[in-house]
Amino acid sequence: VPPPGPAGLNEWRLIRATETRLEQLARELRPDVIH
């Protein structure tokens, strides 16, 4: 969960946090499909 930041940018903080964790998992698990 990202720390609070400037108003109006919350969605992009959520996207970035999800992307970081997703790339870690995808490199580790090597899925056939991301759903």
PDB file of all heavy atoms in Angstrom:
ATOM      1  N   VAL A   1       0.861  -1.187   0.000  1.00  0.00           N
ATOM      2  CA  VAL A   1       0.000   0.000   0.000  1.00  0.00           C
ATOM      3  C   VAL A   1       0.894   1.233   0.000  1.00  0.00           C
ATOM      4  O   VAL A   1       1.676   1.441   0.935  1.00  0.00           O
ATOM      5  CB  VAL A   1      -0.933   0.015   1.225  1.00  0.00           C
ATOM      6  CG1 VAL A   1      -1.785   1.281   1.232  1.00  0.00           C
ATOM      7  CG2 VAL A   1      -1.812  -1.235   1.230  1.00  0.00           C
ATOM      8  N   PRO A   2       0.828   2.067  -1.046  1.00  0.00           N
ATOM      9  CA  PRO A   2       1.733   3.225  -1.117  1.00  0.00           C
ATOM     10  C   PRO A   2       1.357   4.277  -0.083  1.00  0.00           C
ATOM     11  O   PRO A   2       0.186   4.403   0.297  1.00  0.00           O
ATOM     12  CB  PRO A   2       1.535   3.744  -2.540  1.00  0.00           C
ATOM     13  CG  PRO A   2       0.147   3.309  -2.909  1.00  0.00           C
ATOM     14  CD  PRO A   2      -0.056   1.983  -2.216  1.00  0.00           C
ATOM     15  N   PRO A   3       2.322   5.068   0.367  1.00  0.00           N
ATOM     16  CA  PRO A   3       2.011   6.136   1.329  1.00  0.00           C
ATOM     17  C   PRO A   3       1.198   7.234   0.653  1.00  0.00           C
ATOM     18  O   PRO A   3       1.232   7.379  -0.574  1.00  0.00           O
ATOM     19  CB  PRO A   3       3.396   6.647   1.742  1.00  0.00           C
ATOM     20  CG  PRO A   3       4.284   6.302   0.590  1.00  0.00           C
ATOM     21  CD  PRO A   3       3.751   5.007   0.025  1.00  0.00           C
ATOM     22  N   PRO A   4       0.462   8.006   1.427  1.00  0.00           N
ATOM     23  CA  PRO A   4      -0.319   9.110   0.844  1.00  0.00           C
ATOM     24  C   PRO A   4       0.594  10.092   0.123  1.00  0.00           C
ATOM     25  O   PRO A   4       1.751  10.290   0.491  1.00  0.00           O
ATOM     26  CB  PRO A   4      -0.979   9.764   2.073  1.00  0.00           C
ATOM     27  CG  PRO A   4      -0.943   8.711   3.134  1.00  0.00           C
ATOM     28  CD  PRO A   4       0.300   7.914   2.889  1.00  0.00           C
ATOM     29  N   GLY A   5       0.043  10.700  -0.925  1.00  0.00           N
ATOM     30  CA  GLY A   5       0.811  11.680  -1.685  1.00  0.00           C
ATOM     31  C   GLY A   5      -0.069  12.825  -2.132  1.00  0.00           C
ATOM     32  O   GLY A   5      -1.190  12.991  -1.617  1.00  0.00           O
ATOM     33  N   PRO A   6       0.377  13.591  -3.105  1.00  0.00           N
ATOM     34  CA  PRO A   6      -0.393  14.750  -3.571  1.00  0.00           C
ATOM     35  C   PRO A   6      -1.772  14.338  -4.090  1.00  0.00           C
ATOM     36  O   PRO A   6      -1.935  13.294  -4.731  1.00  0.00           O
ATOM     37  CB  PRO A   6       0.471  15.316  -4.702  1.00  0.00           C
ATOM     38  CG  PRO A   6       1.844  14.800  -4.429  1.00  0.00           C
ATOM     39  CD  PRO A   6       1.658  13.466  -3.799  1.00  0.00           C
ATOM     40  N   ALA A   7      -2.770  15.133  -3.810  1.00  0.00           N
ATOM     41  CA  ALA A   7      -4.124  14.858  -4.279  1.00  0.00           C
ATOM     42  C   ALA A   7      -4.149  14.796  -5.799  1.00  0.00           C
ATOM     43  O   ALA A   7      -3.449  15.546  -6.482  1.00  0.00           O
ATOM     44  CB  ALA A   7      -5.076  15.945  -3.779  1.00  0.00           C
ATOM     45  N   GLY A   8      -4.975  13.883  -6.321  1.00  0.00           N
ATOM     46  CA  GLY A   8      -5.115  13.738  -7.763  1.00  0.00           C
ATOM     47  C   GLY A   8      -4.171  12.733  -8.380  1.00  0.00           C
ATOM     48  O   GLY A   8      -4.319  12.369  -9.547  1.00  0.00           O
ATOM     49  N   LEU A   9      -3.190  12.277  -7.603  1.00  0.00           N
ATOM     50  CA  LEU A   9      -2.220  11.318  -8.130  1.00  0.00           C
ATOM     51  C   LEU A   9      -2.371   9.935  -7.507  1.00  0.00           C
ATOM     52  O   LEU A   9      -1.560   9.042  -7.764  1.00  0.00           O
ATOM     53  CB  LEU A   9      -0.787  11.828  -7.910  1.00  0.00           C
ATOM     54  CG  LEU A   9      -0.419  13.122  -8.637  1.00  0.00           C
ATOM     55  CD1 LEU A   9       1.001  13.539  -8.267  1.00  0.00           C
ATOM     56  CD2 LEU A   9      -0.542  12.945 -10.146  1.00  0.00           C
ATOM     57  N   ASN A  10      -3.412   9.752  -6.692  1.00  0.00           N
ATOM     58  CA  ASN A  10      -3.550   8.492  -5.968  1.00  0.00           C
ATOM     59  C   ASN A  10      -3.657   7.296  -6.900  1.00  0.00           C
ATOM     60  O   ASN A  10      -3.047   6.246  -6.662  1.00  0.00           O
ATOM     61  CB  ASN A  10      -4.777   8.546  -5.056  1.00  0.00           C
ATOM     62  CG  ASN A  10      -4.905   7.301  -4.193  1.00  0.00           C
ATOM     63  OD1 ASN A  10      -3.967   6.951  -3.477  1.00  0.00           O
ATOM     64  ND2 ASN A  10      -6.038   6.626  -4.268  1.00  0.00           N
ATOM     65  N   GLU A  11      -4.443   7.434  -7.999  1.00  0.00           N
ATOM     66  CA  GLU A  11      -4.618   6.310  -8.914  1.00  0.00           C
ATOM     67  C   GLU A  11      -3.294   5.878  -9.524  1.00  0.00           C
ATOM     68  O   GLU A  11      -3.034   4.682  -9.687  1.00  0.00           O
ATOM     69  CB  GLU A  11      -5.620   6.669 -10.023  1.00  0.00           C
ATOM     70  CG  GLU A  11      -7.068   6.707  -9.581  1.00  0.00           C
ATOM     71  CD  GLU A  11      -7.446   8.005  -8.899  1.00  0.00           C
ATOM     72  OE1 GLU A  11      -6.588   8.926  -8.841  1.00  0.00           O
ATOM     73  OE2 GLU A  11      -8.584   8.113  -8.415  1.00  0.00           O
ATOM     74  N   TRP A  12      -2.462   6.841  -9.867  1.00  0.00           N
ATOM     75  CA  TRP A  12      -1.174   6.488 -10.467  1.00  0.00           C
ATOM     76  C   TRP A  12      -0.251   5.831  -9.452  1.00  0.00           C
ATOM     77  O   TRP A  12       0.561   4.960  -9.806  1.00  0.00           O
ATOM     78  CB  TRP A  12      -0.528   7.721 -11.082  1.00  0.00           C
ATOM     79  CG  TRP A  12      -1.347   8.251 -12.210  1.00  0.00           C
ATOM     80  CD1 TRP A  12      -2.080   9.401 -12.238  1.00  0.00           C
ATOM     81  CD2 TRP A  12      -1.578   7.605 -13.466  1.00  0.00           C
ATOM     82  NE1 TRP A  12      -2.753   9.512 -13.431  1.00  0.00           N
ATOM     83  CE2 TRP A  12      -2.462   8.431 -14.210  1.00  0.00           C
ATOM     84  CE3 TRP A  12      -1.128   6.410 -14.051  1.00  0.00           C
ATOM     85  CZ2 TRP A  12      -2.892   8.102 -15.488  1.00  0.00           C
ATOM     86  CZ3 TRP A  12      -1.560   6.076 -15.321  1.00  0.00           C
ATOM     87  CH2 TRP A  12      -2.429   6.917 -16.030  1.00  0.00           C
ATOM     88  N   ARG A  13      -0.362   6.195  -8.186  1.00  0.00           N
ATOM     89  CA  ARG A  13       0.412   5.503  -7.150  1.00  0.00           C
ATOM     90  C   ARG A  13      -0.047   4.055  -7.027  1.00  0.00           C
ATOM     91  O   ARG A  13       0.772   3.142  -6.850  1.00  0.00           O
ATOM     92  CB  ARG A  13       0.270   6.231  -5.808  1.00  0.00           C
ATOM     93  CG  ARG A  13       0.960   7.590  -5.769  1.00  0.00           C
ATOM     94  CD  ARG A  13       1.132   8.090  -4.333  1.00  0.00           C
ATOM     95  NE  ARG A  13      -0.150   8.294  -3.677  1.00  0.00           N
ATOM     96  CZ  ARG A  13      -0.875   9.393  -3.755  1.00  0.00           C
ATOM     97  NH1 ARG A  13      -0.443  10.417  -4.492  1.00  0.00           N
ATOM     98  NH2 ARG A  13      -2.018   9.511  -3.115  1.00  0.00           N
ATOM     99  N   LEU A  14      -1.364   3.827  -7.119  1.00  0.00           N
ATOM    100  CA  LEU A  14      -1.879   2.462  -7.066  1.00  0.00           C
ATOM    101  C   LEU A  14      -1.387   1.643  -8.260  1.00  0.00           C
ATOM    102  O   LEU A  14      -0.998   0.477  -8.109  1.00  0.00           O
ATOM    103  CB  LEU A  14      -3.411   2.481  -7.045  1.00  0.00           C
ATOM    104  CG  LEU A  14      -4.088   3.134  -5.837  1.00  0.00           C
ATOM    105  CD1 LEU A  14      -5.602   3.144  -6.022  1.00  0.00           C
ATOM    106  CD2 LEU A  14      -3.717   2.401  -4.551  1.00  0.00           C
ATOM    107  N   ILE A  15      -1.417   2.247  -9.446  1.00  0.00           N
ATOM    108  CA  ILE A  15      -0.947   1.558 -10.649  1.00  0.00           C
ATOM    109  C   ILE A  15       0.519   1.172 -10.506  1.00  0.00           C
ATOM    110  O   ILE A  15       0.918   0.034 -10.812  1.00  0.00           O
ATOM    111  CB  ILE A  15      -1.162   2.448 -11.893  1.00  0.00           C
ATOM    112  CG1 ILE A  15      -2.653   2.542 -12.230  1.00  0.00           C
ATOM    113  CG2 ILE A  15      -0.371   1.912 -13.092  1.00  0.00           C
ATOM    114  CD1 ILE A  15      -2.971   3.574 -13.292  1.00  0.00           C
ATOM    115  N   ARG A  16       1.320   2.114 -10.029  1.00  0.00           N
ATOM    116  CA  ARG A  16       2.762   1.855  -9.910  1.00  0.00           C
ATOM    117  C   ARG A  16       3.043   0.753  -8.894  1.00  0.00           C
ATOM    118  O   ARG A  16       3.893  -0.122  -9.129  1.00  0.00           O
ATOM    119  CB  ARG A  16       3.477   3.148  -9.516  1.00  0.00           C
ATOM    120  CG  ARG A  16       4.986   3.022  -9.474  1.00  0.00           C
ATOM    121  CD  ARG A  16       5.549   2.582 -10.805  1.00  0.00           C
ATOM    122  NE  ARG A  16       6.986   2.326 -10.734  1.00  0.00           N
ATOM    123  CZ  ARG A  16       7.650   1.590 -11.604  1.00  0.00           C
ATOM    124  NH1 ARG A  16       7.013   1.029 -12.616  1.00  0.00           N
ATOM    125  NH2 ARG A  16       8.950   1.405 -11.481  1.00  0.00           N
ATOM    126  N   ALA A  17       2.351   0.777  -7.762  1.00  0.00           N
ATOM    127  CA  ALA A  17       2.563  -0.259  -6.743  1.00  0.00           C
ATOM    128  C   ALA A  17       2.172  -1.632  -7.275  1.00  0.00           C
ATOM    129  O   ALA A  17       2.860  -2.633  -7.038  1.00  0.00           O
ATOM    130  CB  ALA A  17       1.761   0.080  -5.489  1.00  0.00           C
ATOM    131  N   THR A  18       1.052  -1.697  -7.992  1.00  0.00           N
ATOM    132  CA  THR A  18       0.620  -2.969  -8.565  1.00  0.00           C
ATOM    133  C   THR A  18       1.616  -3.448  -9.612  1.00  0.00           C
ATOM    134  O   THR A  18       1.967  -4.636  -9.666  1.00  0.00           O
ATOM    135  CB  THR A  18      -0.779  -2.825  -9.200  1.00  0.00           C
ATOM    136  OG1 THR A  18      -1.703  -2.364  -8.220  1.00  0.00           O
ATOM    137  CG2 THR A  18      -1.263  -4.157  -9.763  1.00  0.00           C
ATOM    138  N   GLU A  19       2.082  -2.529 -10.443  1.00  0.00           N
ATOM    139  CA  GLU A  19       3.027  -2.895 -11.502  1.00  0.00           C
ATOM    140  C   GLU A  19       4.326  -3.453 -10.926  1.00  0.00           C
ATOM    141  O   GLU A  19       4.866  -4.453 -11.421  1.00  0.00           O
ATOM    142  CB  GLU A  19       3.318  -1.675 -12.367  1.00  0.00           C
ATOM    143  CG  GLU A  19       4.245  -1.964 -13.535  1.00  0.00           C
ATOM    144  CD  GLU A  19       4.470  -0.738 -14.414  1.00  0.00           C
ATOM    145  OE1 GLU A  19       3.626   0.185 -14.387  1.00  0.00           O
ATOM    146  OE2 GLU A  19       5.489  -0.713 -15.126  1.00  0.00           O
ATOM    147  N   THR A  20       4.820  -2.833  -9.868  1.00  0.00           N
ATOM    148  CA  THR A  20       6.071  -3.289  -9.252  1.00  0.00           C
ATOM    149  C   THR A  20       5.940  -4.718  -8.750  1.00  0.00           C
ATOM    150  O   THR A  20       6.785  -5.575  -9.019  1.00  0.00           O
ATOM    151  CB  THR A  20       6.456  -2.355  -8.091  1.00  0.00           C
ATOM    152  OG1 THR A  20       6.675  -1.036  -8.604  1.00  0.00           O
ATOM    153  CG2 THR A  20       7.715  -2.847  -7.392  1.00  0.00           C
ATOM    154  N   ARG A  21       4.858  -4.976  -8.019  1.00  0.00           N
ATOM    155  CA  ARG A  21       4.657  -6.325  -7.460  1.00  0.00           C
ATOM    156  C   ARG A  21       4.362  -7.335  -8.567  1.00  0.00           C
ATOM    157  O   ARG A  21       4.826  -8.477  -8.521  1.00  0.00           O
ATOM    158  CB  ARG A  21       3.498  -6.286  -6.464  1.00  0.00           C
ATOM    159  CG  ARG A  21       3.317  -7.587  -5.692  1.00  0.00           C
ATOM    160  CD  ARG A  21       4.366  -7.730  -4.610  1.00  0.00           C
ATOM    161  NE  ARG A  21       4.067  -8.861  -3.737  1.00  0.00           N
ATOM    162  CZ  ARG A  21       4.738 -10.016  -3.762  1.00  0.00           C
ATOM    163  NH1 ARG A  21       5.749 -10.180  -4.612  1.00  0.00           N
ATOM    164  NH2 ARG A  21       4.422 -10.994  -2.937  1.00  0.00           N
ATOM    165  N   LEU A  22       3.611  -6.908  -9.583  1.00  0.00           N
ATOM    166  CA  LEU A  22       3.272  -7.812 -10.677  1.00  0.00           C
ATOM    167  C   LEU A  22       4.516  -8.236 -11.443  1.00  0.00           C
ATOM    168  O   LEU A  22       4.665  -9.421 -11.792  1.00  0.00           O
ATOM    169  CB  LEU A  22       2.275  -7.130 -11.622  1.00  0.00           C
ATOM    170  CG  LEU A  22       1.891  -7.907 -12.887  1.00  0.00           C
ATOM    171  CD1 LEU A  22       1.283  -9.254 -12.534  1.00  0.00           C
ATOM    172  CD2 LEU A  22       0.928  -7.078 -13.737  1.00  0.00           C
ATOM    173  N   GLU A  23       5.413  -7.308 -11.709  1.00  0.00           N
ATOM    174  CA  GLU A  23       6.619  -7.677 -12.451  1.00  0.00           C
ATOM    175  C   GLU A  23       7.474  -8.652 -11.648  1.00  0.00           C
ATOM    176  O   GLU A  23       8.028  -9.614 -12.203  1.00  0.00           O
ATOM    177  CB  GLU A  23       7.426  -6.440 -12.828  1.00  0.00           C
ATOM    178  CG  GLU A  23       8.639  -6.795 -13.671  1.00  0.00           C
ATOM    179  CD  GLU A  23       9.221  -5.620 -14.435  1.00  0.00           C
ATOM    180  OE1 GLU A  23       8.635  -4.512 -14.385  1.00  0.00           O
ATOM    181  OE2 GLU A  23      10.250  -5.808 -15.106  1.00  0.00           O
ATOM    182  N   GLN A  24       7.564  -8.433 -10.336  1.00  0.00           N
ATOM    183  CA  GLN A  24       8.306  -9.379  -9.493  1.00  0.00           C
ATOM    184  C   GLN A  24       7.728 -10.781  -9.624  1.00  0.00           C
ATOM    185  O   GLN A  24       8.454 -11.767  -9.826  1.00  0.00           O
ATOM    186  CB  GLN A  24       8.248  -8.930  -8.032  1.00  0.00           C
ATOM    187  CG  GLN A  24       8.993  -7.655  -7.713  1.00  0.00           C
ATOM    188  CD  GLN A  24       8.708  -7.172  -6.294  1.00  0.00           C
ATOM    189  OE1 GLN A  24       7.814  -7.675  -5.604  1.00  0.00           O
ATOM    190  NE2 GLN A  24       9.461  -6.165  -5.844  1.00  0.00           N
ATOM    191  N   LEU A  25       6.411 -10.881  -9.511  1.00  0.00           N
ATOM    192  CA  LEU A  25       5.764 -12.191  -9.565  1.00  0.00           C
ATOM    193  C   LEU A  25       5.869 -12.816 -10.952  1.00  0.00           C
ATOM    194  O   LEU A  25       6.107 -14.025 -11.087  1.00  0.00           O
ATOM    195  CB  LEU A  25       4.286 -12.061  -9.174  1.00  0.00           C
ATOM    196  CG  LEU A  25       3.982 -11.892  -7.691  1.00  0.00           C
ATOM    197  CD1 LEU A  25       2.494 -11.643  -7.490  1.00  0.00           C
ATOM    198  CD2 LEU A  25       4.411 -13.130  -6.911  1.00  0.00           C
ATOM    199  N   ALA A  26       5.662 -12.010 -11.987  1.00  0.00           N
ATOM    200  CA  ALA A  26       5.707 -12.548 -13.343  1.00  0.00           C
ATOM    201  C   ALA A  26       7.090 -13.089 -13.687  1.00  0.00           C
ATOM    202  O   ALA A  26       7.218 -14.128 -14.348  1.00  0.00           O
ATOM    203  CB  ALA A  26       5.282 -11.472 -14.340  1.00  0.00           C
ATOM    204  N   ARG A  27       8.131 -12.411 -13.242  1.00  0.00           N
ATOM    205  CA  ARG A  27       9.496 -12.899 -13.493  1.00  0.00           C
ATOM    206  C   ARG A  27       9.750 -14.191 -12.721  1.00  0.00           C
ATOM    207  O   ARG A  27      10.440 -15.094 -13.206  1.00  0.00           O
ATOM    208  CB  ARG A  27      10.522 -11.835 -13.108  1.00  0.00           C
ATOM    209  CG  ARG A  27      10.544 -10.644 -14.049  1.00  0.00           C
ATOM    210  CD  ARG A  27      11.660  -9.673 -13.705  1.00  0.00           C
ATOM    211  NE  ARG A  27      11.666  -8.510 -14.587  1.00  0.00           N
ATOM    212  CZ  ARG A  27      12.180  -8.482 -15.813  1.00  0.00           C
ATOM    213  NH1 ARG A  27      12.755  -9.568 -16.304  1.00  0.00           N
ATOM    214  NH2 ARG A  27      12.133  -7.384 -16.543  1.00  0.00           N
ATOM    215  N   GLU A  28       9.167 -14.294 -11.539  1.00  0.00           N
ATOM    216  CA  GLU A  28       9.368 -15.480 -10.708  1.00  0.00           C
ATOM    217  C   GLU A  28       8.527 -16.669 -11.198  1.00  0.00           C
ATOM    218  O   GLU A  28       9.015 -17.806 -11.268  1.00  0.00           O
ATOM    219  CB  GLU A  28       8.996 -15.147  -9.260  1.00  0.00           C
ATOM    220  CG  GLU A  28       9.005 -16.332  -8.311  1.00  0.00           C
ATOM    221  CD  GLU A  28       8.436 -15.979  -6.947  1.00  0.00           C
ATOM    222  OE1 GLU A  28       8.373 -14.769  -6.618  1.00  0.00           O
ATOM    223  OE2 GLU A  28       8.028 -16.903  -6.211  1.00  0.00           O
ATOM    224  N   LEU A  29       7.277 -16.415 -11.541  1.00  0.00           N
ATOM    225  CA  LEU A  29       6.338 -17.501 -11.845  1.00  0.00           C
ATOM    226  C   LEU A  29       6.284 -17.873 -13.317  1.00  0.00           C
ATOM    227  O   LEU A  29       5.847 -18.969 -13.657  1.00  0.00           O
ATOM    228  CB  LEU A  29       4.931 -17.102 -11.374  1.00  0.00           C
ATOM    229  CG  LEU A  29       4.777 -16.803  -9.883  1.00  0.00           C
ATOM    230  CD1 LEU A  29       3.400 -16.217  -9.594  1.00  0.00           C
ATOM    231  CD2 LEU A  29       4.991 -18.082  -9.064  1.00  0.00           C
ATOM    232  N   ARG A  30       6.676 -16.956 -14.208  1.00  0.00           N
ATOM    233  CA  ARG A  30       6.632 -17.170 -15.659  1.00  0.00           C
ATOM    234  C   ARG A  30       5.275 -17.710 -16.110  1.00  0.00           C
ATOM    235  O   ARG A  30       5.151 -18.807 -16.667  1.00  0.00           O
ATOM    236  CB  ARG A  30       7.745 -18.131 -16.096  1.00  0.00           C
ATOM    237  CG  ARG A  30       9.153 -17.706 -15.695  1.00  0.00           C
ATOM    238  CD  ARG A  30       9.508 -16.311 -16.147  1.00  0.00           C
ATOM    239  NE  ARG A  30       9.423 -16.139 -17.605  1.00  0.00           N
ATOM    240  CZ  ARG A  30       9.654 -14.991 -18.227  1.00  0.00           C
ATOM    241  NH1 ARG A  30       9.950 -13.889 -17.523  1.00  0.00           N
ATOM    242  NH2 ARG A  30       9.554 -14.907 -19.533  1.00  0.00           N
ATOM    243  N   PRO A  31       4.225 -16.949 -15.901  1.00  0.00           N
ATOM    244  CA  PRO A  31       2.903 -17.417 -16.315  1.00  0.00           C
ATOM    245  C   PRO A  31       2.772 -17.438 -17.834  1.00  0.00           C
ATOM    246  O   PRO A  31       3.485 -16.734 -18.555  1.00  0.00           O
ATOM    247  CB  PRO A  31       1.966 -16.366 -15.712  1.00  0.00           C
ATOM    248  CG  PRO A  31       2.794 -15.117 -15.669  1.00  0.00           C
ATOM    249  CD  PRO A  31       4.193 -15.594 -15.330  1.00  0.00           C
ATOM    250  N   ASP A  32       1.820 -18.238 -18.331  1.00  0.00           N
ATOM    251  CA  ASP A  32       1.521 -18.275 -19.761  1.00  0.00           C
ATOM    252  C   ASP A  32       0.648 -17.086 -20.160  1.00  0.00           C
ATOM    253  O   ASP A  32       0.711 -16.619 -21.299  1.00  0.00           O
ATOM    254  CB  ASP A  32       0.802 -19.574 -20.108  1.00  0.00           C
ATOM    255  CG  ASP A  32       1.668 -20.782 -19.821  1.00  0.00           C
ATOM    256  OD1 ASP A  32       2.746 -20.891 -20.419  1.00  0.00           O
ATOM    257  OD2 ASP A  32       1.264 -21.618 -18.987  1.00  0.00           O
ATOM    258  N   VAL A  33      -0.184 -16.631 -19.221  1.00  0.00           N
ATOM    259  CA  VAL A  33      -1.113 -15.529 -19.478  1.00  0.00           C
ATOM    260  C   VAL A  33      -1.208 -14.669 -18.222  1.00  0.00           C
ATOM    261  O   VAL A  33      -1.259 -15.196 -17.106  1.00  0.00           O
ATOM    262  CB  VAL A  33      -2.522 -16.055 -19.841  1.00  0.00           C
ATOM    263  CG1 VAL A  33      -3.503 -14.894 -20.007  1.00  0.00           C
ATOM    264  CG2 VAL A  33      -2.476 -16.903 -21.111  1.00  0.00           C
ATOM    265  N   ILE A  34      -1.220 -13.342 -18.399  1.00  0.00           N
ATOM    266  CA  ILE A  34      -1.582 -12.426 -17.313  1.00  0.00           C
ATOM    267  C   ILE A  34      -3.044 -12.040 -17.524  1.00  0.00           C
ATOM    268  O   ILE A  34      -3.422 -11.557 -18.594  1.00  0.00           O
ATOM    269  CB  ILE A  34      -0.696 -11.169 -17.303  1.00  0.00           C
ATOM    270  CG1 ILE A  34       0.756 -11.548 -17.019  1.00  0.00           C
ATOM    271  CG2 ILE A  34      -1.192 -10.173 -16.248  1.00  0.00           C
ATOM    272  CD1 ILE A  34       1.729 -10.374 -17.104  1.00  0.00           C
ATOM    273  N   HIS A  35      -3.856 -12.267 -16.511  1.00  0.00           N
ATOM    274  CA  HIS A  35      -5.306 -12.056 -16.601  1.00  0.00           C
ATOM    275  C   HIS A  35      -5.674 -10.948 -15.618  1.00  0.00           C
ATOM    276  O   HIS A  35      -5.789 -11.175 -14.408  1.00  0.00           O
ATOM    277  CB  HIS A  35      -6.033 -13.359 -16.248  1.00  0.00           C
ATOM    278  CG  HIS A  35      -7.513 -13.319 -16.437  1.00  0.00           C
ATOM    279  ND1 HIS A  35      -8.227 -14.411 -16.894  1.00  0.00           N
ATOM    280  CD2 HIS A  35      -8.434 -12.345 -16.239  1.00  0.00           C
ATOM    281  CE1 HIS A  35      -9.517 -14.098 -16.952  1.00  0.00           C
ATOM    282  NE2 HIS A  35      -9.653 -12.840 -16.543  1.00  0.00           N
TER     283      HIS A  35
END
